Amino acid sequence: MKKFDQEESEILAAIESGKVKRVKDASDIQKRHQNYAAAMFKKDARINIRLPSKDLRGLQKKALAEGIPYQTLVASILHKYVDGRLHEHSS
């Protein structure tokens, strides 16, 4: 059995003691977020790009450090950029 860290233990204790209650529309919120996740991860287009092998190796190293496939990292970076959550730094 996994041991909980301090924050997880506090959350579990709050739930078990009744201090934390489920919100009234929790199932609606859960369904809405499941739909968001399904839409976000829907892969309905394919692209092919050429980039310097040095950049590819850098992406692969960063993805390995994150524990995800490098294609997932690239898709995440592109998604964040398109969504306006990733901005180019000027040198």
C-alpha atoms as a PDB file:
ATOM      1  CA  MET A   1       0.000   0.000   0.000  1.00  0.00           C
ATOM      2  CA  LYS A   2       1.248   3.452  -0.948  1.00  0.00           C
ATOM      3  CA  LYS A   3       2.121   5.797   1.889  1.00  0.00           C
ATOM      4  CA  PHE A   4       0.579   9.236   1.745  1.00  0.00           C
ATOM      5  CA  ASP A   5       2.561  12.450   2.012  1.00  0.00           C
ATOM      6  CA  GLN A   6       1.503  15.052   4.592  1.00  0.00           C
ATOM      7  CA  GLU A   7      -0.881  16.914   2.291  1.00  0.00           C
ATOM      8  CA  GLU A   8      -2.564  13.695   1.133  1.00  0.00           C
ATOM      9  CA  SER A   9      -2.914  12.536   4.745  1.00  0.00           C
ATOM     10  CA  GLU A  10      -4.530  15.845   5.712  1.00  0.00           C
ATOM     11  CA  ILE A  11      -6.985  15.605   2.814  1.00  0.00           C
ATOM     12  CA  LEU A  12      -7.874  12.018   3.716  1.00  0.00           C
ATOM     13  CA  ALA A  13      -8.359  12.956   7.374  1.00  0.00           C
ATOM     14  CA  ALA A  14     -10.629  15.880   6.392  1.00  0.00           C
ATOM     15  CA  ILE A  15     -12.749  13.600   4.194  1.00  0.00           C
ATOM     16  CA  GLU A  16     -12.983  10.871   6.826  1.00  0.00           C
ATOM     17  CA  SER A  17     -13.898  13.352   9.553  1.00  0.00           C
ATOM     18  CA  GLY A  18     -16.703  14.827   7.457  1.00  0.00           C
ATOM     19  CA  LYS A  19     -15.106  18.282   7.218  1.00  0.00           C
ATOM     20  CA  VAL A  20     -15.004  17.967   3.452  1.00  0.00           C
ATOM     21  CA  LYS A  21     -18.213  17.297   1.594  1.00  0.00           C
ATOM     22  CA  ARG A  22     -18.889  16.596  -2.065  1.00  0.00           C
ATOM     23  CA  VAL A  23     -20.419  19.565  -3.874  1.00  0.00           C
ATOM     24  CA  LYS A  24     -24.046  19.180  -4.954  1.00  0.00           C
ATOM     25  CA  ASP A  25     -23.307  19.081  -8.684  1.00  0.00           C
ATOM     26  CA  ALA A  26     -20.114  17.004  -8.418  1.00  0.00           C
ATOM     27  CA  SER A  27     -21.216  14.439 -10.996  1.00  0.00           C
ATOM     28  CA  ASP A  28     -22.063  17.217 -13.494  1.00  0.00           C
ATOM     29  CA  ILE A  29     -18.669  18.841 -12.919  1.00  0.00           C
ATOM     30  CA  GLN A  30     -16.936  15.475 -13.275  1.00  0.00           C
ATOM     31  CA  LYS A  31     -18.748  14.749 -16.559  1.00  0.00           C
ATOM     32  CA  ARG A  32     -17.883  18.204 -17.900  1.00  0.00           C
ATOM     33  CA  HIS A  33     -14.194  17.738 -17.076  1.00  0.00           C
ATOM     34  CA  GLN A  34     -14.213  14.252 -18.604  1.00  0.00           C
ATOM     35  CA  ASN A  35     -15.566  15.792 -21.809  1.00  0.00           C
ATOM     36  CA  TYR A  36     -12.843  18.465 -21.707  1.00  0.00           C
ATOM     37  CA  ALA A  37     -10.182  15.783 -21.292  1.00  0.00           C
ATOM     38  CA  ALA A  38     -11.612  13.643 -24.083  1.00  0.00           C
ATOM     39  CA  ALA A  39     -11.684  16.627 -26.449  1.00  0.00           C
ATOM     40  CA  MET A  40      -8.169  17.677 -25.495  1.00  0.00           C
ATOM     41  CA  PHE A  41      -6.695  14.261 -26.104  1.00  0.00           C
ATOM     42  CA  LYS A  42      -8.648  13.559 -29.272  1.00  0.00           C
ATOM     43  CA  LYS A  43      -6.056  12.993 -31.950  1.00  0.00           C
ATOM     44  CA  ASP A  44      -7.698  13.590 -35.286  1.00  0.00           C
ATOM     45  CA  ALA A  45      -4.839  15.090 -37.323  1.00  0.00           C
ATOM     46  CA  ARG A  46      -1.326  14.041 -38.174  1.00  0.00           C
ATOM     47  CA  ILE A  47       1.636  16.243 -39.083  1.00  0.00           C
ATOM     48  CA  ASN A  48       5.175  15.557 -40.208  1.00  0.00           C
ATOM     49  CA  ILE A  49       7.912  18.078 -39.505  1.00  0.00           C
ATOM     50  CA  ARG A  50      11.621  18.303 -40.076  1.00  0.00           C
ATOM     51  CA  LEU A  51      13.799  19.783 -37.366  1.00  0.00           C
ATOM     52  CA  PRO A  52      17.464  19.713 -36.448  1.00  0.00           C
ATOM     53  CA  SER A  53      18.526  16.433 -34.859  1.00  0.00           C
ATOM     54  CA  LYS A  54      19.982  18.429 -31.953  1.00  0.00           C
ATOM     55  CA  ASP A  55      16.501  19.813 -31.198  1.00  0.00           C
ATOM     56  CA  LEU A  56      14.950  16.343 -31.460  1.00  0.00           C
ATOM     57  CA  ARG A  57      17.529  14.931 -29.036  1.00  0.00           C
ATOM     58  CA  GLY A  58      16.803  17.826 -26.660  1.00  0.00           C
ATOM     59  CA  LEU A  59      13.058  17.120 -26.825  1.00  0.00           C
ATOM     60  CA  GLN A  60      13.656  13.419 -26.252  1.00  0.00           C
ATOM     61  CA  LYS A  61      15.840  14.135 -23.195  1.00  0.00           C
ATOM     62  CA  LYS A  62      13.262  16.483 -21.690  1.00  0.00           C
ATOM     63  CA  ALA A  63      10.456  14.002 -22.373  1.00  0.00           C
ATOM     64  CA  LEU A  64      12.470  11.202 -20.778  1.00  0.00           C
ATOM     65  CA  ALA A  65      13.004  13.368 -17.692  1.00  0.00           C
ATOM     66  CA  GLU A  66       9.224  13.962 -17.552  1.00  0.00           C
ATOM     67  CA  GLY A  67       8.483  10.273 -18.115  1.00  0.00           C
ATOM     68  CA  ILE A  68       6.422  10.848 -21.261  1.00  0.00           C
ATOM     69  CA  PRO A  69       6.887  10.060 -24.963  1.00  0.00           C
ATOM     70  CA  TYR A  70       8.550  12.911 -26.862  1.00  0.00           C
ATOM     71  CA  GLN A  71       5.611  13.135 -29.292  1.00  0.00           C
ATOM     72  CA  THR A  72       3.334  13.811 -26.310  1.00  0.00           C
ATOM     73  CA  LEU A  73       5.686  16.557 -25.146  1.00  0.00           C
ATOM     74  CA  VAL A  74       5.700  18.156 -28.602  1.00  0.00           C
ATOM     75  CA  ALA A  75       1.894  18.001 -28.777  1.00  0.00           C
ATOM     76  CA  SER A  76       1.644  19.545 -25.306  1.00  0.00           C
ATOM     77  CA  ILE A  77       4.007  22.390 -26.219  1.00  0.00           C
ATOM     78  CA  LEU A  78       2.056  23.120 -29.402  1.00  0.00           C
ATOM     79  CA  HIS A  79      -1.270  22.956 -27.554  1.00  0.00           C
ATOM     80  CA  LYS A  80      -0.078  25.389 -24.879  1.00  0.00           C
ATOM     81  CA  TYR A  81       1.242  27.779 -27.528  1.00  0.00           C
ATOM     82  CA  VAL A  82      -2.006  27.728 -29.508  1.00  0.00           C
ATOM     83  CA  ASP A  83      -3.989  28.117 -26.279  1.00  0.00           C
ATOM     84  CA  GLY A  84      -1.933  31.216 -25.375  1.00  0.00           C
ATOM     85  CA  ARG A  85      -0.306  29.658 -22.319  1.00  0.00           C
ATOM     86  CA  LEU A  86       3.188  29.473 -23.854  1.00  0.00           C
ATOM     87  CA  HIS A  87       4.927  32.607 -25.041  1.00  0.00           C
ATOM     88  CA  GLU A  88       8.090  33.180 -27.029  1.00  0.00           C
ATOM     89  CA  HIS A  89      10.937  34.805 -25.113  1.00  0.00           C
ATOM     90  CA  SER A  90      12.766  37.597 -26.885  1.00  0.00           C
ATOM     91  CA  SER A  91      16.534  37.477 -26.607  1.00  0.00           C
END
